[in-house]
PDB file of N, CA and C in Angstrom:
ATOM      1  N   MET A   1     -10.926  17.163   2.435  1.00  0.00           N
ATOM      2  CA  MET A   1      -9.617  17.473   3.058  1.00  0.00           C
ATOM      3  C   MET A   1      -9.335  18.988   2.583  1.00  0.00           C
ATOM      4  N   GLY A   2      -8.696  19.547   3.640  1.00  0.00           N
ATOM      5  CA  GLY A   2      -8.557  21.126   3.085  1.00  0.00           C
ATOM      6  C   GLY A   2      -7.070  21.293   3.977  1.00  0.00           C
ATOM      7  N   ASP A   3      -6.837  22.226   4.648  1.00  0.00           N
ATOM      8  CA  ASP A   3      -5.402  22.564   5.173  1.00  0.00           C
ATOM      9  C   ASP A   3      -4.946  21.655   6.294  1.00  0.00           C
ATOM     10  N   ILE A   4      -4.109  21.134   6.017  1.00  0.00           N
ATOM     11  CA  ILE A   4      -3.649  20.210   6.905  1.00  0.00           C
ATOM     12  C   ILE A   4      -3.511  20.681   8.421  1.00  0.00           C
ATOM     13  N   SER A   5      -3.169  22.192   8.383  1.00  0.00           N
ATOM     14  CA  SER A   5      -2.750  22.584   9.831  1.00  0.00           C
ATOM     15  C   SER A   5      -4.262  22.396  10.545  1.00  0.00           C
ATOM     16  N   LYS A   6      -5.428  23.028   9.721  1.00  0.00           N
ATOM     17  CA  LYS A   6      -6.364  23.046  10.620  1.00  0.00           C
ATOM     18  C   LYS A   6      -7.379  21.065  10.661  1.00  0.00           C
ATOM     19  N   GLU A   7      -6.574  20.456   9.791  1.00  0.00           N
ATOM     20  CA  GLU A   7      -7.065  19.225   9.869  1.00  0.00           C
ATOM     21  C   GLU A   7      -6.476  18.358  11.017  1.00  0.00           C
ATOM     22  N   ILE A   8      -5.331  18.634  11.160  1.00  0.00           N
ATOM     23  CA  ILE A   8      -4.604  17.831  12.612  1.00  0.00           C
ATOM     24  C   ILE A   8      -4.398  18.964  13.594  1.00  0.00           C
ATOM     25  N   ASN A   9      -5.037  20.119  13.616  1.00  0.00           N
ATOM     26  CA  ASN A   9      -4.991  21.195  14.427  1.00  0.00           C
ATOM     27  C   ASN A   9      -3.722  21.455  15.045  1.00  0.00           C
ATOM     28  N   SER A  10      -2.715  21.600  14.322  1.00  0.00           N
ATOM     29  CA  SER A  10      -1.400  21.908  14.634  1.00  0.00           C
ATOM     30  C   SER A  10      -0.605  23.087  13.521  1.00  0.00           C
ATOM     31  N   THR A  11       0.329  23.424  14.182  1.00  0.00           N
ATOM     32  CA  THR A  11       1.121  24.205  13.234  1.00  0.00           C
ATOM     33  C   THR A  11       2.704  23.931  13.002  1.00  0.00           C
ATOM     34  N   PHE A  12       3.329  24.484  11.955  1.00  0.00           N
ATOM     35  CA  PHE A  12       4.402  24.115  11.491  1.00  0.00           C
ATOM     36  C   PHE A  12       5.405  25.233  11.344  1.00  0.00           C
ATOM     37  N   ILE A  13       6.766  24.686  11.658  1.00  0.00           N
ATOM     38  CA  ILE A  13       7.781  25.616  11.556  1.00  0.00           C
ATOM     39  C   ILE A  13       7.918  25.977  10.195  1.00  0.00           C
ATOM     40  N   ASN A  14       8.000  25.311   9.123  1.00  0.00           N
ATOM     41  CA  ASN A  14       8.346  25.888   7.684  1.00  0.00           C
ATOM     42  C   ASN A  14       6.998  25.045   6.885  1.00  0.00           C
ATOM     43  N   ASN A  15       7.301  25.217   5.703  1.00  0.00           N
ATOM     44  CA  ASN A  15       6.421  24.722   4.910  1.00  0.00           C
ATOM     45  C   ASN A  15       7.030  23.234   4.275  1.00  0.00           C
ATOM     46  N   LYS A  16       8.190  23.024   4.465  1.00  0.00           N
ATOM     47  CA  LYS A  16       9.063  21.587   4.331  1.00  0.00           C
ATOM     48  C   LYS A  16       8.232  20.619   5.178  1.00  0.00           C
ATOM     49  N   ILE A  17       8.306  21.209   6.263  1.00  0.00           N
ATOM     50  CA  ILE A  17       7.771  20.400   7.370  1.00  0.00           C
ATOM     51  C   ILE A  17       6.306  19.947   7.217  1.00  0.00           C
ATOM     52  N   LYS A  18       5.497  21.179   6.904  1.00  0.00           N
ATOM     53  CA  LYS A  18       4.199  20.961   6.396  1.00  0.00           C
ATOM     54  C   LYS A  18       3.810  20.108   5.428  1.00  0.00           C
ATOM     55  N   ALA A  19       5.041  19.993   4.360  1.00  0.00           N
ATOM     56  CA  ALA A  19       4.400  19.187   3.127  1.00  0.00           C
ATOM     57  C   ALA A  19       4.453  17.748   3.829  1.00  0.00           C
ATOM     58  N   LEU A  20       5.844  17.708   4.392  1.00  0.00           N
ATOM     59  CA  LEU A  20       5.938  16.144   4.749  1.00  0.00           C
ATOM     60  C   LEU A  20       5.211  15.613   5.503  1.00  0.00           C
ATOM     61  N   ILE A  21       4.503  16.547   6.639  1.00  0.00           N
ATOM     62  CA  ILE A  21       3.363  15.834   7.322  1.00  0.00           C
ATOM     63  C   ILE A  21       1.967  15.688   6.524  1.00  0.00           C
ATOM     64  N   ASN A  22       1.860  16.704   5.516  1.00  0.00           N
ATOM     65  CA  ASN A  22       0.711  16.468   4.651  1.00  0.00           C
ATOM     66  C   ASN A  22       0.827  14.992   3.867  1.00  0.00           C
ATOM     67  N   ILE A  23       2.060  14.605   3.422  1.00  0.00           N
ATOM     68  CA  ILE A  23       2.160  13.312   2.532  1.00  0.00           C
ATOM     69  C   ILE A  23       1.916  12.468   3.541  1.00  0.00           C
ATOM     70  N   LYS A  24       2.422  12.430   4.597  1.00  0.00           N
ATOM     71  CA  LYS A  24       2.288  11.346   5.697  1.00  0.00           C
ATOM     72  C   LYS A  24       0.850  11.120   5.945  1.00  0.00           C
ATOM     73  N   TYR A  25       0.051  11.944   6.028  1.00  0.00           N
ATOM     74  CA  TYR A  25      -1.232  12.095   6.491  1.00  0.00           C
ATOM     75  C   TYR A  25      -2.182  11.440   5.251  1.00  0.00           C
ATOM     76  N   THR A  26      -1.918  12.085   4.119  1.00  0.00           N
ATOM     77  CA  THR A  26      -2.236  11.643   2.766  1.00  0.00           C
ATOM     78  C   THR A  26      -2.016  10.384   2.616  1.00  0.00           C
ATOM     79  N   SER A  27      -0.978   9.630   2.686  1.00  0.00           N
ATOM     80  CA  SER A  27      -0.555   8.262   2.711  1.00  0.00           C
ATOM     81  C   SER A  27      -1.398   7.577   3.666  1.00  0.00           C
ATOM     82  N   ASN A  28      -1.567   7.776   4.908  1.00  0.00           N
ATOM     83  CA  ASN A  28      -2.473   7.110   5.815  1.00  0.00           C
ATOM     84  C   ASN A  28      -3.625   7.258   5.280  1.00  0.00           C
ATOM     85  N   TRP A  29      -4.594   8.342   4.992  1.00  0.00           N
ATOM     86  CA  TRP A  29      -5.539   8.332   4.513  1.00  0.00           C
ATOM     87  C   TRP A  29      -5.714   7.243   3.268  1.00  0.00           C
ATOM     88  N   LEU A  30      -5.177   7.410   2.593  1.00  0.00           N
ATOM     89  CA  LEU A  30      -5.260   6.373   1.205  1.00  0.00           C
ATOM     90  C   LEU A  30      -4.949   4.730   1.651  1.00  0.00           C
ATOM     91  N   SER A  31      -4.385   4.788   2.459  1.00  0.00           N
ATOM     92  CA  SER A  31      -3.976   3.231   3.174  1.00  0.00           C
ATOM     93  C   SER A  31      -5.393   2.853   3.724  1.00  0.00           C
ATOM     94  N   SER A  32      -5.929   3.736   4.256  1.00  0.00           N
ATOM     95  CA  SER A  32      -7.168   3.417   5.252  1.00  0.00           C
ATOM     96  C   SER A  32      -8.404   2.869   4.018  1.00  0.00           C
ATOM     97  N   LYS A  33      -8.577   3.867   3.193  1.00  0.00           N
ATOM     98  CA  LYS A  33      -9.470   3.422   2.066  1.00  0.00           C
ATOM     99  C   LYS A  33      -9.296   2.369   1.295  1.00  0.00           C
ATOM    100  N   GLU A  34      -7.786   2.193   0.954  1.00  0.00           N
ATOM    101  CA  GLU A  34      -7.713   1.047   0.398  1.00  0.00           C
ATOM    102  C   GLU A  34      -7.944  -0.466   1.098  1.00  0.00           C
ATOM    103  N   ASN A  35      -7.833  -0.125   2.445  1.00  0.00           N
ATOM    104  CA  ASN A  35      -7.962  -1.561   3.275  1.00  0.00           C
ATOM    105  C   ASN A  35      -9.625  -1.620   3.470  1.00  0.00           C
ATOM    106  N   ASP A  36     -10.483  -0.566   3.108  1.00  0.00           N
ATOM    107  CA  ASP A  36     -11.616  -0.688   3.468  1.00  0.00           C
ATOM    108  C   ASP A  36     -12.445  -1.044   2.058  1.00  0.00           C
ATOM    109  N   PHE A  37     -11.421  -1.010   1.154  1.00  0.00           N
ATOM    110  CA  PHE A  37     -12.062  -1.532  -0.347  1.00  0.00           C
ATOM    111  C   PHE A  37     -11.667  -3.156  -0.524  1.00  0.00           C
ATOM    112  N   PHE A  38     -10.526  -3.302   0.083  1.00  0.00           N
ATOM    113  CA  PHE A  38     -10.200  -4.891  -0.088  1.00  0.00           C
ATOM    114  C   PHE A  38     -10.472  -5.958   0.933  1.00  0.00           C
ATOM    115  N   LYS A  39     -11.190  -5.183   2.240  1.00  0.00           N
ATOM    116  CA  LYS A  39     -11.791  -5.811   3.411  1.00  0.00           C
ATOM    117  C   LYS A  39     -12.651  -6.942   2.794  1.00  0.00           C
ATOM    118  N   PRO A  40     -13.810  -6.683   1.929  1.00  0.00           N
ATOM    119  CA  PRO A  40     -15.027  -7.398   1.579  1.00  0.00           C
ATOM    120  C   PRO A  40     -14.251  -8.686   0.789  1.00  0.00           C
ATOM    121  N   TYR A  41     -13.177  -8.636   0.237  1.00  0.00           N
ATOM    122  CA  TYR A  41     -12.801  -9.627  -0.526  1.00  0.00           C
ATOM    123  C   TYR A  41     -11.705 -10.549   0.053  1.00  0.00           C
ATOM    124  N   GLY A  42     -11.491 -10.033   1.354  1.00  0.00           N
ATOM    125  CA  GLY A  42     -10.516 -10.985   2.369  1.00  0.00           C
ATOM    126  C   GLY A  42      -9.146 -10.938   1.958  1.00  0.00           C
ATOM    127  N   ILE A  43      -8.597  -9.860   1.283  1.00  0.00           N
ATOM    128  CA  ILE A  43      -7.228  -9.751   0.816  1.00  0.00           C
ATOM    129  C   ILE A  43      -6.881  -8.447   1.422  1.00  0.00           C
ATOM    130  N   SER A  44      -5.273  -8.528   1.320  1.00  0.00           N
ATOM    131  CA  SER A  44      -4.793  -7.042   1.673  1.00  0.00           C
ATOM    132  C   SER A  44      -4.327  -6.490   0.551  1.00  0.00           C
ATOM    133  N   SER A  45      -3.612  -5.164   0.520  1.00  0.00           N
ATOM    134  CA  SER A  45      -3.524  -4.370  -0.646  1.00  0.00           C
ATOM    135  C   SER A  45      -2.057  -5.053  -1.100  1.00  0.00           C
ATOM    136  N   GLN A  46      -1.413  -5.837  -0.389  1.00  0.00           N
ATOM    137  CA  GLN A  46       0.031  -6.449  -0.763  1.00  0.00           C
ATOM    138  C   GLN A  46      -0.567  -7.433  -1.476  1.00  0.00           C
ATOM    139  N   GLN A  47      -1.349  -8.516  -1.057  1.00  0.00           N
ATOM    140  CA  GLN A  47      -1.683  -9.637  -2.018  1.00  0.00           C
ATOM    141  C   GLN A  47      -2.676  -9.380  -3.390  1.00  0.00           C
ATOM    142  N   TYR A  48      -3.290  -7.801  -3.397  1.00  0.00           N
ATOM    143  CA  TYR A  48      -3.841  -7.588  -4.528  1.00  0.00           C
ATOM    144  C   TYR A  48      -2.754  -7.088  -5.548  1.00  0.00           C
ATOM    145  N   ASN A  49      -1.659  -6.739  -4.747  1.00  0.00           N
ATOM    146  CA  ASN A  49      -0.269  -6.345  -5.571  1.00  0.00           C
ATOM    147  C   ASN A  49       0.001  -7.548  -6.144  1.00  0.00           C
ATOM    148  N   ILE A  50       0.237  -8.495  -5.630  1.00  0.00           N
ATOM    149  CA  ILE A  50       0.838 -10.407  -5.950  1.00  0.00           C
ATOM    150  C   ILE A  50      -0.219 -10.653  -7.153  1.00  0.00           C
ATOM    151  N   LEU A  51      -1.517 -10.364  -7.372  1.00  0.00           N
ATOM    152  CA  LEU A  51      -2.414 -10.910  -8.303  1.00  0.00           C
ATOM    153  C   LEU A  51      -2.233 -10.208  -9.275  1.00  0.00           C
ATOM    154  N   ARG A  52      -2.031  -8.871  -9.377  1.00  0.00           N
ATOM    155  CA  ARG A  52      -1.927  -8.196 -10.313  1.00  0.00           C
ATOM    156  C   ARG A  52      -0.732  -8.267 -11.253  1.00  0.00           C
ATOM    157  N   ILE A  53       0.586  -8.709 -10.449  1.00  0.00           N
ATOM    158  CA  ILE A  53       1.607  -9.314 -11.212  1.00  0.00           C
ATOM    159  C   ILE A  53       1.538 -10.431 -11.761  1.00  0.00           C
ATOM    160  N   LEU A  54       0.812 -11.574 -11.037  1.00  0.00           N
ATOM    161  CA  LEU A  54       0.809 -12.681 -11.742  1.00  0.00           C
ATOM    162  C   LEU A  54      -0.337 -12.608 -12.870  1.00  0.00           C
ATOM    163  N   ARG A  55      -1.286 -11.771 -12.706  1.00  0.00           N
ATOM    164  CA  ARG A  55      -2.315 -11.484 -14.068  1.00  0.00           C
ATOM    165  C   ARG A  55      -1.413 -11.140 -15.330  1.00  0.00           C
ATOM    166  N   GLY A  56      -0.457 -10.301 -15.212  1.00  0.00           N
ATOM    167  CA  GLY A  56       0.269  -9.482 -16.174  1.00  0.00           C
ATOM    168  C   GLY A  56       1.579 -10.673 -16.322  1.00  0.00           C
ATOM    169  N   ALA A  57       1.796 -11.397 -15.966  1.00  0.00           N
ATOM    170  CA  ALA A  57       2.934 -12.210 -16.019  1.00  0.00           C
ATOM    171  C   ALA A  57       2.497 -13.387 -17.452  1.00  0.00           C
ATOM    172  N   LYS A  58       3.436 -13.391 -18.529  1.00  0.00           N
ATOM    173  CA  LYS A  58       3.007 -13.990 -19.633  1.00  0.00           C
ATOM    174  C   LYS A  58       2.917 -15.422 -19.123  1.00  0.00           C
ATOM    175  N   ASN A  59       4.317 -16.072 -18.419  1.00  0.00           N
ATOM    176  CA  ASN A  59       4.194 -17.164 -18.138  1.00  0.00           C
ATOM    177  C   ASN A  59       4.453 -17.489 -16.393  1.00  0.00           C
ATOM    178  N   GLU A  60       5.113 -18.412 -16.252  1.00  0.00           N
ATOM    179  CA  GLU A  60       4.995 -18.714 -14.607  1.00  0.00           C
ATOM    180  C   GLU A  60       6.088 -18.002 -14.468  1.00  0.00           C
ATOM    181  N   VAL A  61       5.835 -17.504 -12.907  1.00  0.00           N
ATOM    182  CA  VAL A  61       7.031 -16.693 -12.685  1.00  0.00           C
ATOM    183  C   VAL A  61       7.405 -17.042 -11.112  1.00  0.00           C
ATOM    184  N   LYS A  62       8.711 -16.970 -10.846  1.00  0.00           N
ATOM    185  CA  LYS A  62       9.355 -17.426  -9.633  1.00  0.00           C
ATOM    186  C   LYS A  62       8.924 -16.501  -8.456  1.00  0.00           C
ATOM    187  N   VAL A  63       8.864 -16.549  -7.045  1.00  0.00           N
ATOM    188  CA  VAL A  63       8.460 -15.869  -6.121  1.00  0.00           C
ATOM    189  C   VAL A  63       9.589 -14.869  -6.178  1.00  0.00           C
ATOM    190  N   GLN A  64      10.911 -14.616  -6.367  1.00  0.00           N
ATOM    191  CA  GLN A  64      11.769 -13.660  -6.246  1.00  0.00           C
ATOM    192  C   GLN A  64      10.971 -12.658  -7.402  1.00  0.00           C
ATOM    193  N   ILE A  65      10.974 -12.951  -8.341  1.00  0.00           N
ATOM    194  CA  ILE A  65      10.568 -12.246  -9.412  1.00  0.00           C
ATOM    195  C   ILE A  65       9.382 -11.440  -8.883  1.00  0.00           C
ATOM    196  N   VAL A  66       8.212 -11.996  -8.605  1.00  0.00           N
ATOM    197  CA  VAL A  66       7.457 -11.231  -7.652  1.00  0.00           C
ATOM    198  C   VAL A  66       7.574 -10.333  -6.700  1.00  0.00           C
ATOM    199  N   LYS A  67       8.246 -10.719  -5.660  1.00  0.00           N
ATOM    200  CA  LYS A  67       9.179  -9.776  -4.834  1.00  0.00           C
ATOM    201  C   LYS A  67       9.536  -8.817  -5.596  1.00  0.00           C
ATOM    202  N   ASP A  68      10.485  -8.779  -6.718  1.00  0.00           N
ATOM    203  CA  ASP A  68      11.028  -7.588  -7.019  1.00  0.00           C
ATOM    204  C   ASP A  68      10.068  -6.950  -7.748  1.00  0.00           C
ATOM    205  N   ARG A  69       8.619  -7.110  -8.433  1.00  0.00           N
ATOM    206  CA  ARG A  69       8.032  -6.492  -8.921  1.00  0.00           C
ATOM    207  C   ARG A  69       7.084  -5.911  -8.110  1.00  0.00           C
ATOM    208  N   MET A  70       6.887  -6.133  -6.793  1.00  0.00           N
ATOM    209  CA  MET A  70       5.995  -5.454  -5.843  1.00  0.00           C
ATOM    210  C   MET A  70       6.258  -4.058  -5.435  1.00  0.00           C
ATOM    211  N   ILE A  71       5.187  -3.274  -5.615  1.00  0.00           N
ATOM    212  CA  ILE A  71       5.262  -1.822  -5.014  1.00  0.00           C
ATOM    213  C   ILE A  71       5.708  -1.828  -3.802  1.00  0.00           C
ATOM    214  N   GLU A  72       5.167  -2.252  -2.646  1.00  0.00           N
ATOM    215  CA  GLU A  72       5.267  -2.231  -1.633  1.00  0.00           C
ATOM    216  C   GLU A  72       6.241  -3.380  -1.189  1.00  0.00           C
ATOM    217  N   ARG A  73       7.428  -3.411  -1.084  1.00  0.00           N
ATOM    218  CA  ARG A  73       8.318  -4.582  -0.787  1.00  0.00           C
ATOM    219  C   ARG A  73       7.962  -5.434   0.239  1.00  0.00           C
ATOM    220  N   ALA A  74       7.586  -6.518   0.555  1.00  0.00           N
ATOM    221  CA  ALA A  74       7.276  -7.443   1.484  1.00  0.00           C
ATOM    222  C   ALA A  74       8.248  -8.538   1.889  1.00  0.00           C
ATOM    223  N   SER A  75       8.773  -8.722   2.900  1.00  0.00           N
ATOM    224  CA  SER A  75       9.571  -9.747   3.020  1.00  0.00           C
ATOM    225  C   SER A  75       8.710 -11.021   3.440  1.00  0.00           C
ATOM    226  N   ASN A  76       7.730 -11.096   3.660  1.00  0.00           N
ATOM    227  CA  ASN A  76       6.736 -11.998   3.654  1.00  0.00           C
ATOM    228  C   ASN A  76       5.723 -12.460   2.297  1.00  0.00           C
ATOM    229  N   ALA A  77       6.316 -12.154   1.323  1.00  0.00           N
ATOM    230  CA  ALA A  77       5.477 -12.081   0.225  1.00  0.00           C
ATOM    231  C   ALA A  77       5.339 -13.750  -0.124  1.00  0.00           C
ATOM    232  N   THR A  78       6.270 -14.473   0.370  1.00  0.00           N
ATOM    233  CA  THR A  78       5.863 -16.115   0.122  1.00  0.00           C
ATOM    234  C   THR A  78       4.634 -16.549   0.748  1.00  0.00           C
ATOM    235  N   ARG A  79       4.793 -15.676   2.136  1.00  0.00           N
ATOM    236  CA  ARG A  79       3.443 -16.175   3.064  1.00  0.00           C
ATOM    237  C   ARG A  79       2.227 -15.685   2.553  1.00  0.00           C
ATOM    238  N   LEU A  80       2.360 -14.466   1.824  1.00  0.00           N
ATOM    239  CA  LEU A  80       1.127 -13.877   1.389  1.00  0.00           C
ATOM    240  C   LEU A  80       0.377 -14.681   0.219  1.00  0.00           C
ATOM    241  N   MET A  81       1.561 -15.129  -0.615  1.00  0.00           N
ATOM    242  CA  MET A  81       1.051 -15.989  -1.644  1.00  0.00           C
ATOM    243  C   MET A  81       0.604 -17.396  -1.338  1.00  0.00           C
ATOM    244  N   ASP A  82       0.908 -17.761  -0.395  1.00  0.00           N
ATOM    245  CA  ASP A  82       0.511 -19.349   0.468  1.00  0.00           C
ATOM    246  C   ASP A  82      -0.996 -18.809   0.691  1.00  0.00           C
ATOM    247  N   LYS A  83      -1.140 -17.917   1.180  1.00  0.00           N
ATOM    248  CA  LYS A  83      -2.460 -17.166   1.958  1.00  0.00           C
ATOM    249  C   LYS A  83      -3.566 -17.209   0.745  1.00  0.00           C
ATOM    250  N   LEU A  84      -3.109 -16.830  -0.442  1.00  0.00           N
ATOM    251  CA  LEU A  84      -3.873 -16.730  -1.511  1.00  0.00           C
ATOM    252  C   LEU A  84      -4.442 -17.931  -2.024  1.00  0.00           C
ATOM    253  N   TYR A  85      -3.113 -18.806  -1.986  1.00  0.00           N
ATOM    254  CA  TYR A  85      -3.632 -20.271  -2.403  1.00  0.00           C
ATOM    255  C   TYR A  85      -4.581 -20.951  -1.943  1.00  0.00           C
ATOM    256  N   ASP A  86      -4.538 -20.887  -0.294  1.00  0.00           N
ATOM    257  CA  ASP A  86      -5.469 -21.639   0.375  1.00  0.00           C
ATOM    258  C   ASP A  86      -6.838 -21.229   0.136  1.00  0.00           C
TER     259      ASP A  86
END
């Protein structure tokens, strides 16, 4: 990756807008790479996050605690956990 202006063939009215678009573009790029990484395992990044939280827990934890600790909040965390269980 280089200059975002060249990457998306666009100009920006100021550097703040350019920085915002660059952050969004980079975030999307990282999400794509993350999805590619987890695809062979049949899980999403949110499911990995749940597994990470559960692995770090010393004892059993309630679903609400998992939801509170998630990096990306998911209203469907219960469904994601059920899917991991199956």
